[in-house]
Amino acid sequence: MKTRIALTLLALMFVAAPAAAFNWGIGADLGYSLCMPKDDDIDNINVIGIPFNSTSGWLGEGALPNTGGLRLSFAGENPMHEVWVGASLGRISVEDFAYSTMQFSGNYQFNFAVQSALKPYLTAGVGLYRAGYSNDDDSESAVSVFYGGGVGAAYKMGTGRLRGEIRYDMIGEGTIDDDYTVIPEGGAIGFKLGFDLWAK
C-alpha cells in the first residue's frame, strides 16, 4: 500500500509540472547520512553515498538509502519552481552470492529569486528504496518508502551549478515475508554535494 501511494505521488508531481519550455539539467551527488534506526537495539549508522552506487548502505544483514546518486532536473519558464528525479543502482557479488539495491525519488525544489550567483533553495520529496540478495538457490528483496526535505544553496558556474544541501528523511521499514527486516525504520540526517550541467 505504501509503495502504491509513493508511486502515485511521484506521478502527480511530474504531471503538475509545466509542459512547455523546460529547462533541464543532469548531475551527480556525493553524500553522507547519519541514519538513526527506531529500534534501540540497532546503533546509529554512517552511510556514504556516491553517484553510481546505492549499495554503500548495505550493513551486512541490512540496508539503508543514501544521499548519493544521479539527478535529472526540470524547470519551467519560471526557474523558481523545479522538479528533479534522483536515482542510483548498485550490485555487490561474491562468488555465487549477490546484493543489489535500487533507489529512486521524485522531488520538488523552490529556488529563491535572489540577484546573486549563490541561490538558496528548499526541497522535499518521496522515494522508494529496494534492497535484495540472490544466490544459486534463492532470491529475496524488500522495498521501503522514504520521504523528507531539506535546505540548500546552488552556485552558478559556467554552464552548470554546484549544490550543497542538508536534509532529513524518514525511512519506512522494509521486510521479507513480513518477519525479516532488511531495511530498518528510522530517520536520517544527511549532507549532499552535487554538480549539475546545463541547469539554470
N, C-alpha and C. Protein backbone atom coordinates (compact mmCIF):
# COMPACT_ATOMS: atom_id res chain seq x y z
N MET A 1 0.82 -1.20 0.00
CA MET A 1 0.00 0.00 0.00
C MET A 1 0.86 1.26 0.00
N LYS A 2 1.91 1.27 0.86
CA LYS A 2 2.81 2.42 0.90
C LYS A 2 3.50 2.63 -0.43
N THR A 3 3.86 1.52 -1.09
CA THR A 3 4.53 1.63 -2.39
C THR A 3 3.61 2.27 -3.42
N ARG A 4 2.32 1.90 -3.43
CA ARG A 4 1.37 2.48 -4.39
C ARG A 4 1.18 3.97 -4.14
N ILE A 5 1.11 4.37 -2.87
CA ILE A 5 0.95 5.79 -2.54
C ILE A 5 2.16 6.58 -3.02
N ALA A 6 3.36 6.04 -2.80
CA ALA A 6 4.57 6.74 -3.23
C ALA A 6 4.62 6.89 -4.74
N LEU A 7 4.27 5.83 -5.48
CA LEU A 7 4.28 5.91 -6.94
C LEU A 7 3.25 6.91 -7.45
N THR A 8 2.10 6.98 -6.81
CA THR A 8 1.06 7.94 -7.20
C THR A 8 1.54 9.37 -6.98
N LEU A 9 2.18 9.63 -5.84
CA LEU A 9 2.70 10.97 -5.56
C LEU A 9 3.78 11.37 -6.56
N LEU A 10 4.65 10.41 -6.93
CA LEU A 10 5.68 10.71 -7.92
C LEU A 10 5.07 11.07 -9.26
N ALA A 11 4.04 10.32 -9.68
CA ALA A 11 3.40 10.59 -10.96
C ALA A 11 2.72 11.96 -10.96
N LEU A 12 2.02 12.29 -9.89
CA LEU A 12 1.34 13.59 -9.81
C LEU A 12 2.32 14.74 -9.83
N MET A 13 3.49 14.54 -9.24
CA MET A 13 4.49 15.59 -9.20
C MET A 13 4.91 16.01 -10.61
N PHE A 14 5.05 15.02 -11.49
CA PHE A 14 5.52 15.34 -12.84
C PHE A 14 4.38 15.74 -13.77
N VAL A 15 3.17 15.27 -13.51
CA VAL A 15 2.02 15.72 -14.30
C VAL A 15 1.74 17.19 -14.05
N ALA A 16 1.96 17.62 -12.80
CA ALA A 16 1.69 19.01 -12.43
C ALA A 16 2.75 19.97 -12.91
N ALA A 17 3.90 19.48 -13.33
CA ALA A 17 4.97 20.37 -13.79
C ALA A 17 4.61 20.99 -15.14
N PRO A 18 5.11 22.22 -15.44
CA PRO A 18 4.82 22.86 -16.73
C PRO A 18 5.26 21.99 -17.89
N ALA A 19 4.43 21.91 -18.91
CA ALA A 19 4.73 21.03 -20.04
C ALA A 19 5.60 21.71 -21.08
N ALA A 20 5.63 23.03 -21.09
CA ALA A 20 6.34 23.75 -22.14
C ALA A 20 7.59 24.41 -21.59
N ALA A 21 8.52 24.64 -22.50
CA ALA A 21 9.72 25.42 -22.22
C ALA A 21 10.50 24.90 -21.01
N PHE A 22 10.74 23.60 -20.98
CA PHE A 22 11.50 23.02 -19.88
C PHE A 22 12.96 23.47 -19.96
N ASN A 23 13.50 23.88 -18.82
CA ASN A 23 14.94 23.97 -18.65
C ASN A 23 15.33 22.68 -17.93
N TRP A 24 16.39 22.04 -18.30
CA TRP A 24 16.74 20.78 -17.67
C TRP A 24 18.23 20.70 -17.40
N GLY A 25 18.58 19.83 -16.49
CA GLY A 25 19.97 19.61 -16.15
C GLY A 25 20.18 18.18 -15.72
N ILE A 26 21.42 17.72 -15.84
CA ILE A 26 21.79 16.38 -15.40
C ILE A 26 22.98 16.51 -14.47
N GLY A 27 22.96 15.78 -13.37
CA GLY A 27 24.03 15.94 -12.40
C GLY A 27 24.27 14.69 -11.58
N ALA A 28 25.17 14.81 -10.62
CA ALA A 28 25.54 13.71 -9.75
C ALA A 28 25.77 14.24 -8.35
N ASP A 29 25.55 13.38 -7.35
CA ASP A 29 25.66 13.78 -5.95
C ASP A 29 26.60 12.85 -5.18
N LEU A 30 27.38 13.46 -4.29
CA LEU A 30 28.10 12.74 -3.25
C LEU A 30 27.38 13.05 -1.95
N GLY A 31 27.33 12.11 -1.01
CA GLY A 31 26.59 12.40 0.20
C GLY A 31 27.07 11.63 1.41
N TYR A 32 26.65 12.14 2.57
CA TYR A 32 26.89 11.47 3.84
C TYR A 32 25.59 11.51 4.64
N SER A 33 25.20 10.40 5.24
CA SER A 33 24.00 10.34 6.06
C SER A 33 24.30 9.69 7.40
N LEU A 34 23.70 10.25 8.45
CA LEU A 34 23.70 9.60 9.75
C LEU A 34 22.31 9.02 9.94
N CYS A 35 22.21 7.70 9.86
CA CYS A 35 20.91 7.02 9.97
C CYS A 35 20.68 6.60 11.41
N MET A 36 19.47 6.89 11.89
CA MET A 36 19.12 6.64 13.29
C MET A 36 17.92 5.70 13.34
N PRO A 37 18.15 4.37 13.35
CA PRO A 37 17.05 3.41 13.38
C PRO A 37 16.18 3.59 14.62
N LYS A 38 14.88 3.34 14.44
CA LYS A 38 13.92 3.45 15.54
C LYS A 38 14.16 2.39 16.59
N ASP A 39 14.63 1.23 16.16
CA ASP A 39 14.92 0.12 17.06
C ASP A 39 16.14 0.46 17.92
N ASP A 40 15.98 0.50 19.23
CA ASP A 40 17.07 0.85 20.13
C ASP A 40 18.20 -0.18 20.12
N ASP A 41 17.93 -1.36 19.63
CA ASP A 41 18.96 -2.40 19.59
C ASP A 41 19.93 -2.21 18.42
N ILE A 42 19.60 -1.29 17.51
CA ILE A 42 20.47 -1.01 16.36
C ILE A 42 21.12 0.35 16.56
N ASP A 43 22.44 0.38 16.51
CA ASP A 43 23.17 1.64 16.69
C ASP A 43 22.98 2.56 15.49
N ASN A 44 23.25 3.85 15.71
CA ASN A 44 23.26 4.80 14.59
C ASN A 44 24.30 4.36 13.57
N ILE A 45 24.02 4.64 12.30
CA ILE A 45 24.84 4.12 11.20
C ILE A 45 25.27 5.25 10.29
N ASN A 46 26.55 5.28 9.93
CA ASN A 46 27.07 6.24 8.97
C ASN A 46 27.04 5.62 7.58
N VAL A 47 26.47 6.37 6.61
CA VAL A 47 26.37 5.87 5.23
C VAL A 47 26.96 6.91 4.29
N ILE A 48 27.88 6.47 3.44
CA ILE A 48 28.48 7.33 2.41
C ILE A 48 27.82 7.01 1.08
N GLY A 49 27.35 8.03 0.36
CA GLY A 49 26.71 7.84 -0.94
C GLY A 49 27.56 8.39 -2.06
N ILE A 50 27.73 7.63 -3.13
CA ILE A 50 28.47 8.07 -4.30
C ILE A 50 27.56 7.99 -5.52
N PRO A 51 27.90 8.71 -6.61
CA PRO A 51 26.95 8.85 -7.72
C PRO A 51 26.46 7.56 -8.35
N PHE A 52 27.30 6.55 -8.51
CA PHE A 52 26.91 5.40 -9.30
C PHE A 52 26.67 4.14 -8.49
N ASN A 53 26.49 4.25 -7.18
CA ASN A 53 26.40 3.04 -6.37
C ASN A 53 25.50 3.25 -5.17
N SER A 54 24.38 2.54 -5.11
CA SER A 54 23.48 2.63 -3.96
C SER A 54 23.73 1.51 -2.96
N THR A 55 24.72 0.64 -3.20
CA THR A 55 24.98 -0.45 -2.26
C THR A 55 25.82 0.00 -1.08
N SER A 56 26.24 1.29 -1.04
CA SER A 56 27.05 1.75 0.07
C SER A 56 26.28 1.74 1.38
N GLY A 57 24.93 1.55 1.30
CA GLY A 57 24.13 1.47 2.51
C GLY A 57 23.97 0.07 3.07
N TRP A 58 24.58 -0.95 2.42
CA TRP A 58 24.45 -2.31 2.94
C TRP A 58 25.19 -2.46 4.26
N LEU A 59 24.55 -3.11 5.21
CA LEU A 59 25.10 -3.24 6.56
C LEU A 59 25.22 -4.70 6.96
N GLY A 60 25.79 -5.51 6.13
CA GLY A 60 25.89 -6.93 6.45
C GLY A 60 24.57 -7.63 6.23
N GLU A 61 23.63 -7.51 7.18
CA GLU A 61 22.33 -8.16 7.04
C GLU A 61 21.22 -7.14 6.79
N GLY A 62 21.54 -5.90 6.53
CA GLY A 62 20.52 -4.89 6.29
C GLY A 62 21.01 -3.83 5.34
N ALA A 63 20.13 -2.88 5.00
CA ALA A 63 20.49 -1.85 4.04
C ALA A 63 19.73 -0.57 4.35
N LEU A 64 20.31 0.57 3.93
CA LEU A 64 19.68 1.87 4.13
C LEU A 64 19.89 2.74 2.89
N PRO A 65 18.92 3.61 2.56
CA PRO A 65 19.12 4.55 1.45
C PRO A 65 20.28 5.48 1.73
N ASN A 66 20.83 6.07 0.68
CA ASN A 66 21.92 7.04 0.85
C ASN A 66 21.63 8.31 0.07
N THR A 67 22.46 9.32 0.26
CA THR A 67 22.23 10.62 -0.37
C THR A 67 22.97 10.80 -1.69
N GLY A 68 23.69 9.80 -2.14
CA GLY A 68 24.38 9.89 -3.42
C GLY A 68 23.48 9.48 -4.56
N GLY A 69 23.95 9.70 -5.79
CA GLY A 69 23.18 9.24 -6.94
C GLY A 69 23.24 10.19 -8.11
N LEU A 70 22.54 9.80 -9.17
CA LEU A 70 22.41 10.64 -10.36
C LEU A 70 21.13 11.45 -10.25
N ARG A 71 21.11 12.61 -10.89
CA ARG A 71 19.99 13.54 -10.76
C ARG A 71 19.63 14.12 -12.13
N LEU A 72 18.33 14.11 -12.44
CA LEU A 72 17.81 14.73 -13.66
C LEU A 72 16.77 15.76 -13.22
N SER A 73 16.99 17.03 -13.58
CA SER A 73 16.12 18.10 -13.09
C SER A 73 15.43 18.83 -14.24
N PHE A 74 14.23 19.35 -13.95
CA PHE A 74 13.42 20.09 -14.92
C PHE A 74 12.85 21.34 -14.26
N ALA A 75 12.87 22.43 -14.99
CA ALA A 75 12.24 23.67 -14.53
C ALA A 75 11.45 24.26 -15.69
N GLY A 76 10.35 24.92 -15.39
CA GLY A 76 9.54 25.54 -16.43
C GLY A 76 10.07 26.91 -16.78
N GLU A 77 9.19 27.77 -17.29
CA GLU A 77 9.59 29.11 -17.66
C GLU A 77 10.04 29.91 -16.45
N ASN A 78 9.49 29.59 -15.29
CA ASN A 78 9.89 30.24 -14.05
C ASN A 78 10.85 29.32 -13.31
N PRO A 79 12.17 29.62 -13.32
CA PRO A 79 13.12 28.68 -12.71
C PRO A 79 13.06 28.64 -11.19
N MET A 80 12.14 29.40 -10.58
CA MET A 80 11.96 29.28 -9.13
C MET A 80 11.40 27.92 -8.77
N HIS A 81 10.63 27.32 -9.69
CA HIS A 81 9.99 26.03 -9.43
C HIS A 81 10.69 24.94 -10.25
N GLU A 82 11.13 23.91 -9.57
CA GLU A 82 11.93 22.86 -10.21
C GLU A 82 11.51 21.50 -9.66
N VAL A 83 11.49 20.50 -10.52
CA VAL A 83 11.30 19.12 -10.08
C VAL A 83 12.52 18.32 -10.51
N TRP A 84 12.88 17.36 -9.69
CA TRP A 84 14.04 16.53 -10.05
C TRP A 84 13.85 15.09 -9.60
N VAL A 85 14.46 14.20 -10.36
CA VAL A 85 14.45 12.77 -10.11
C VAL A 85 15.85 12.35 -9.68
N GLY A 86 15.93 11.63 -8.58
CA GLY A 86 17.20 11.08 -8.13
C GLY A 86 17.17 9.56 -8.25
N ALA A 87 18.27 8.97 -8.69
CA ALA A 87 18.31 7.52 -8.87
C ALA A 87 19.72 6.99 -8.66
N SER A 88 19.79 5.77 -8.14
CA SER A 88 21.07 5.07 -8.06
C SER A 88 20.82 3.57 -8.05
N LEU A 89 21.75 2.84 -8.62
CA LEU A 89 21.70 1.38 -8.69
C LEU A 89 23.01 0.83 -8.16
N GLY A 90 22.97 -0.35 -7.61
CA GLY A 90 24.21 -0.95 -7.13
C GLY A 90 24.13 -2.46 -7.05
N ARG A 91 25.28 -3.09 -7.12
CA ARG A 91 25.35 -4.55 -7.02
C ARG A 91 26.72 -4.95 -6.49
N ILE A 92 26.72 -5.82 -5.51
CA ILE A 92 27.95 -6.40 -4.96
C ILE A 92 27.80 -7.91 -5.02
N SER A 93 28.78 -8.59 -5.58
CA SER A 93 28.69 -10.05 -5.68
C SER A 93 29.98 -10.70 -5.20
N VAL A 94 29.83 -11.80 -4.50
CA VAL A 94 30.95 -12.61 -4.03
C VAL A 94 30.62 -14.06 -4.37
N GLU A 95 31.39 -14.63 -5.28
CA GLU A 95 31.15 -15.99 -5.76
C GLU A 95 29.71 -16.11 -6.26
N ASP A 96 28.88 -16.96 -5.62
CA ASP A 96 27.52 -17.15 -6.13
C ASP A 96 26.48 -16.33 -5.36
N PHE A 97 26.94 -15.39 -4.53
CA PHE A 97 26.02 -14.58 -3.72
C PHE A 97 26.12 -13.13 -4.13
N ALA A 98 24.96 -12.44 -4.25
CA ALA A 98 24.97 -11.05 -4.70
C ALA A 98 23.96 -10.21 -3.92
N TYR A 99 24.37 -9.00 -3.56
CA TYR A 99 23.48 -7.98 -3.03
C TYR A 99 23.17 -6.98 -4.14
N SER A 100 21.94 -6.52 -4.21
CA SER A 100 21.60 -5.48 -5.19
C SER A 100 20.69 -4.46 -4.55
N THR A 101 20.82 -3.22 -4.98
CA THR A 101 19.99 -2.14 -4.45
C THR A 101 19.55 -1.23 -5.58
N MET A 102 18.42 -0.57 -5.37
CA MET A 102 17.90 0.40 -6.33
C MET A 102 17.20 1.51 -5.54
N GLN A 103 17.50 2.74 -5.88
CA GLN A 103 16.93 3.87 -5.18
C GLN A 103 16.38 4.87 -6.20
N PHE A 104 15.15 5.34 -5.98
CA PHE A 104 14.51 6.27 -6.90
C PHE A 104 13.67 7.25 -6.10
N SER A 105 13.76 8.54 -6.43
CA SER A 105 12.95 9.53 -5.72
C SER A 105 12.51 10.64 -6.68
N GLY A 106 11.36 11.24 -6.36
CA GLY A 106 10.86 12.41 -7.06
C GLY A 106 10.78 13.57 -6.08
N ASN A 107 11.23 14.74 -6.49
CA ASN A 107 11.35 15.86 -5.56
C ASN A 107 10.91 17.18 -6.19
N TYR A 108 10.44 18.08 -5.33
CA TYR A 108 10.15 19.46 -5.74
C TYR A 108 11.18 20.37 -5.08
N GLN A 109 11.60 21.40 -5.82
CA GLN A 109 12.58 22.34 -5.29
C GLN A 109 12.13 23.78 -5.57
N PHE A 110 12.11 24.60 -4.52
CA PHE A 110 11.79 26.01 -4.67
C PHE A 110 13.08 26.81 -4.58
N ASN A 111 13.44 27.47 -5.68
CA ASN A 111 14.65 28.28 -5.75
C ASN A 111 14.31 29.75 -5.48
N PHE A 112 14.90 30.32 -4.46
CA PHE A 112 14.63 31.72 -4.12
C PHE A 112 15.20 32.64 -5.19
N ALA A 113 14.41 33.65 -5.57
CA ALA A 113 14.81 34.60 -6.62
C ALA A 113 15.65 35.71 -6.00
N VAL A 114 16.95 35.49 -5.94
CA VAL A 114 17.88 36.49 -5.41
C VAL A 114 18.85 36.89 -6.52
N GLN A 115 19.27 38.14 -6.51
CA GLN A 115 20.19 38.65 -7.52
C GLN A 115 21.62 38.34 -7.09
N SER A 116 21.96 37.08 -7.18
CA SER A 116 23.29 36.62 -6.76
C SER A 116 23.60 35.31 -7.46
N ALA A 117 24.89 35.01 -7.61
CA ALA A 117 25.29 33.72 -8.17
C ALA A 117 25.00 32.58 -7.21
N LEU A 118 24.87 32.89 -5.91
CA LEU A 118 24.55 31.90 -4.90
C LEU A 118 23.07 31.99 -4.56
N LYS A 119 22.30 30.95 -4.90
CA LYS A 119 20.85 30.95 -4.73
C LYS A 119 20.42 29.88 -3.73
N PRO A 120 19.80 30.28 -2.62
CA PRO A 120 19.29 29.30 -1.67
C PRO A 120 18.03 28.62 -2.19
N TYR A 121 17.74 27.42 -1.67
CA TYR A 121 16.53 26.71 -2.09
C TYR A 121 16.01 25.82 -0.97
N LEU A 122 14.74 25.45 -1.10
CA LEU A 122 14.10 24.46 -0.25
C LEU A 122 13.68 23.28 -1.12
N THR A 123 13.73 22.07 -0.60
CA THR A 123 13.36 20.91 -1.40
C THR A 123 12.67 19.86 -0.53
N ALA A 124 11.79 19.08 -1.14
CA ALA A 124 11.10 17.99 -0.44
C ALA A 124 10.74 16.92 -1.46
N GLY A 125 10.68 15.67 -1.01
CA GLY A 125 10.36 14.61 -1.95
C GLY A 125 10.06 13.29 -1.28
N VAL A 126 9.72 12.33 -2.10
CA VAL A 126 9.39 10.98 -1.65
C VAL A 126 10.06 9.98 -2.59
N GLY A 127 10.44 8.82 -2.05
CA GLY A 127 11.14 7.87 -2.90
C GLY A 127 10.94 6.43 -2.45
N LEU A 128 11.49 5.53 -3.25
CA LEU A 128 11.46 4.10 -2.99
C LEU A 128 12.88 3.56 -2.93
N TYR A 129 13.11 2.65 -2.01
CA TYR A 129 14.42 2.01 -1.90
C TYR A 129 14.20 0.50 -1.87
N ARG A 130 14.88 -0.20 -2.76
CA ARG A 130 14.77 -1.66 -2.83
C ARG A 130 16.12 -2.28 -2.54
N ALA A 131 16.14 -3.26 -1.68
CA ALA A 131 17.36 -3.99 -1.35
C ALA A 131 17.06 -5.49 -1.43
N GLY A 132 17.94 -6.23 -2.09
CA GLY A 132 17.70 -7.66 -2.23
C GLY A 132 18.99 -8.45 -2.31
N TYR A 133 18.85 -9.76 -2.23
CA TYR A 133 20.00 -10.64 -2.38
C TYR A 133 19.60 -11.82 -3.24
N SER A 134 20.57 -12.48 -3.80
CA SER A 134 20.31 -13.66 -4.62
C SER A 134 21.50 -14.60 -4.55
N ASN A 135 21.21 -15.88 -4.69
CA ASN A 135 22.26 -16.90 -4.81
C ASN A 135 21.76 -17.97 -5.77
N ASP A 136 22.45 -19.09 -5.83
CA ASP A 136 22.07 -20.13 -6.78
C ASP A 136 20.71 -20.74 -6.47
N ASP A 137 20.28 -20.66 -5.21
CA ASP A 137 19.05 -21.34 -4.80
C ASP A 137 17.88 -20.41 -4.52
N ASP A 138 18.14 -19.14 -4.27
CA ASP A 138 17.08 -18.29 -3.77
C ASP A 138 17.35 -16.82 -4.11
N SER A 139 16.30 -16.02 -4.11
CA SER A 139 16.43 -14.57 -4.24
C SER A 139 15.27 -13.92 -3.48
N GLU A 140 15.58 -12.87 -2.73
CA GLU A 140 14.59 -12.16 -1.93
C GLU A 140 14.89 -10.67 -1.99
N SER A 141 13.86 -9.85 -1.77
CA SER A 141 14.07 -8.41 -1.74
C SER A 141 13.03 -7.74 -0.86
N ALA A 142 13.34 -6.54 -0.41
CA ALA A 142 12.43 -5.74 0.41
C ALA A 142 12.39 -4.33 -0.17
N VAL A 143 11.24 -3.67 -0.03
CA VAL A 143 11.06 -2.31 -0.54
C VAL A 143 10.62 -1.40 0.60
N SER A 144 11.18 -0.20 0.63
CA SER A 144 10.85 0.78 1.65
C SER A 144 10.52 2.11 1.00
N VAL A 145 9.61 2.85 1.63
CA VAL A 145 9.29 4.21 1.21
C VAL A 145 10.04 5.19 2.12
N PHE A 146 10.66 6.20 1.54
CA PHE A 146 11.28 7.24 2.36
C PHE A 146 10.82 8.61 1.86
N TYR A 147 10.77 9.57 2.77
CA TYR A 147 10.34 10.92 2.40
C TYR A 147 11.01 11.93 3.33
N GLY A 148 11.17 13.15 2.83
CA GLY A 148 11.81 14.16 3.66
C GLY A 148 12.03 15.45 2.90
N GLY A 149 12.82 16.33 3.47
CA GLY A 149 13.07 17.62 2.85
C GLY A 149 14.35 18.23 3.40
N GLY A 150 14.72 19.35 2.80
CA GLY A 150 15.95 19.98 3.23
C GLY A 150 16.10 21.40 2.70
N VAL A 151 17.23 21.97 3.02
CA VAL A 151 17.57 23.33 2.61
C VAL A 151 18.97 23.30 2.01
N GLY A 152 19.18 24.10 0.98
CA GLY A 152 20.49 24.11 0.34
C GLY A 152 20.75 25.40 -0.40
N ALA A 153 21.85 25.42 -1.12
CA ALA A 153 22.22 26.57 -1.94
C ALA A 153 22.94 26.08 -3.17
N ALA A 154 22.70 26.76 -4.29
CA ALA A 154 23.35 26.42 -5.55
C ALA A 154 24.16 27.61 -6.04
N TYR A 155 25.35 27.33 -6.55
CA TYR A 155 26.24 28.39 -7.03
C TYR A 155 26.45 28.22 -8.52
N LYS A 156 26.10 29.22 -9.29
CA LYS A 156 26.22 29.16 -10.75
C LYS A 156 27.68 29.14 -11.17
N MET A 157 28.03 28.15 -12.02
CA MET A 157 29.40 28.02 -12.51
C MET A 157 29.37 27.70 -14.00
N GLY A 158 29.61 28.68 -14.85
CA GLY A 158 29.63 28.45 -16.29
C GLY A 158 28.30 27.93 -16.78
N THR A 159 28.32 26.73 -17.40
CA THR A 159 27.09 26.13 -17.92
C THR A 159 26.41 25.21 -16.91
N GLY A 160 26.83 25.25 -15.68
CA GLY A 160 26.25 24.39 -14.66
C GLY A 160 26.16 25.08 -13.32
N ARG A 161 25.99 24.28 -12.27
CA ARG A 161 25.91 24.82 -10.92
C ARG A 161 26.42 23.79 -9.92
N LEU A 162 26.98 24.29 -8.84
CA LEU A 162 27.43 23.47 -7.73
C LEU A 162 26.41 23.60 -6.61
N ARG A 163 26.00 22.47 -6.01
CA ARG A 163 24.97 22.47 -4.97
C ARG A 163 25.48 21.88 -3.67
N GLY A 164 24.99 22.44 -2.57
CA GLY A 164 25.20 21.86 -1.26
C GLY A 164 23.87 21.82 -0.53
N GLU A 165 23.57 20.74 0.17
CA GLU A 165 22.24 20.58 0.76
C GLU A 165 22.30 19.76 2.05
N ILE A 166 21.51 20.18 3.03
CA ILE A 166 21.28 19.41 4.25
C ILE A 166 19.82 19.00 4.27
N ARG A 167 19.55 17.72 4.54
CA ARG A 167 18.17 17.25 4.52
C ARG A 167 17.93 16.20 5.61
N TYR A 168 16.65 16.01 5.91
CA TYR A 168 16.24 14.98 6.86
C TYR A 168 15.19 14.10 6.19
N ASP A 169 15.35 12.78 6.31
CA ASP A 169 14.41 11.84 5.70
C ASP A 169 13.91 10.84 6.74
N MET A 170 12.64 10.48 6.59
CA MET A 170 12.05 9.38 7.36
C MET A 170 12.08 8.13 6.48
N ILE A 171 12.53 7.04 7.03
CA ILE A 171 12.69 5.80 6.27
C ILE A 171 11.71 4.75 6.82
N GLY A 172 10.88 4.20 5.94
CA GLY A 172 9.96 3.15 6.35
C GLY A 172 10.64 1.80 6.40
N GLU A 173 10.06 0.89 7.14
CA GLU A 173 10.63 -0.44 7.28
C GLU A 173 10.41 -1.27 6.02
N GLY A 174 11.43 -2.02 5.64
CA GLY A 174 11.31 -2.95 4.53
C GLY A 174 11.60 -4.36 5.00
N THR A 175 10.66 -5.27 4.79
CA THR A 175 10.82 -6.63 5.31
C THR A 175 10.66 -7.67 4.20
N ILE A 176 11.16 -8.86 4.49
CA ILE A 176 10.97 -10.04 3.65
C ILE A 176 10.03 -10.98 4.39
N ASP A 177 8.94 -11.36 3.74
CA ASP A 177 7.95 -12.27 4.33
C ASP A 177 7.38 -11.73 5.63
N ASP A 178 7.34 -10.40 5.77
CA ASP A 178 6.73 -9.73 6.93
C ASP A 178 7.39 -10.02 8.27
N ASP A 179 8.54 -10.70 8.27
CA ASP A 179 9.15 -11.01 9.57
C ASP A 179 10.65 -10.75 9.61
N TYR A 180 11.31 -10.66 8.45
CA TYR A 180 12.75 -10.43 8.43
C TYR A 180 13.01 -9.00 7.94
N THR A 181 13.50 -8.14 8.82
CA THR A 181 13.71 -6.73 8.48
C THR A 181 15.04 -6.55 7.77
N VAL A 182 14.96 -6.08 6.55
CA VAL A 182 16.16 -5.78 5.76
C VAL A 182 16.49 -4.29 5.84
N ILE A 183 15.44 -3.45 5.79
CA ILE A 183 15.61 -2.00 5.85
C ILE A 183 14.96 -1.52 7.15
N PRO A 184 15.75 -1.11 8.14
CA PRO A 184 15.17 -0.72 9.42
C PRO A 184 14.48 0.64 9.35
N GLU A 185 13.37 0.75 10.08
CA GLU A 185 12.64 2.02 10.15
C GLU A 185 13.42 3.03 10.97
N GLY A 186 13.33 4.31 10.58
CA GLY A 186 14.03 5.34 11.35
C GLY A 186 14.13 6.65 10.60
N GLY A 187 15.03 7.49 11.04
CA GLY A 187 15.26 8.78 10.40
C GLY A 187 16.71 8.92 10.00
N ALA A 188 16.98 9.86 9.10
CA ALA A 188 18.35 10.08 8.64
C ALA A 188 18.56 11.55 8.35
N ILE A 189 19.64 12.10 8.88
CA ILE A 189 20.04 13.46 8.54
C ILE A 189 21.26 13.35 7.65
N GLY A 190 21.24 14.08 6.54
CA GLY A 190 22.31 13.92 5.57
C GLY A 190 22.77 15.21 4.95
N PHE A 191 23.94 15.15 4.37
CA PHE A 191 24.52 16.27 3.63
C PHE A 191 24.91 15.77 2.24
N LYS A 192 24.58 16.53 1.22
CA LYS A 192 24.99 16.15 -0.13
C LYS A 192 25.65 17.31 -0.84
N LEU A 193 26.59 16.98 -1.69
CA LEU A 193 27.29 17.94 -2.53
C LEU A 193 27.19 17.44 -3.96
N GLY A 194 26.69 18.29 -4.87
CA GLY A 194 26.49 17.83 -6.25
C GLY A 194 26.78 18.91 -7.26
N PHE A 195 26.84 18.47 -8.52
CA PHE A 195 27.05 19.38 -9.64
C PHE A 195 26.09 19.02 -10.75
N ASP A 196 25.46 20.05 -11.36
CA ASP A 196 24.53 19.87 -12.47
C ASP A 196 25.08 20.56 -13.71
N LEU A 197 24.96 19.88 -14.84
CA LEU A 197 25.28 20.51 -16.13
C LEU A 197 24.02 21.08 -16.75
N TRP A 198 24.10 22.24 -17.34
CA TRP A 198 23.05 22.91 -18.11
C TRP A 198 21.92 23.47 -17.26
N ALA A 199 21.85 23.15 -15.99
CA ALA A 199 20.76 23.68 -15.16
C ALA A 199 20.95 25.17 -14.94
N LYS A 200 19.86 25.92 -15.02
CA LYS A 200 19.92 27.38 -14.85
C LYS A 200 19.67 27.78 -13.42
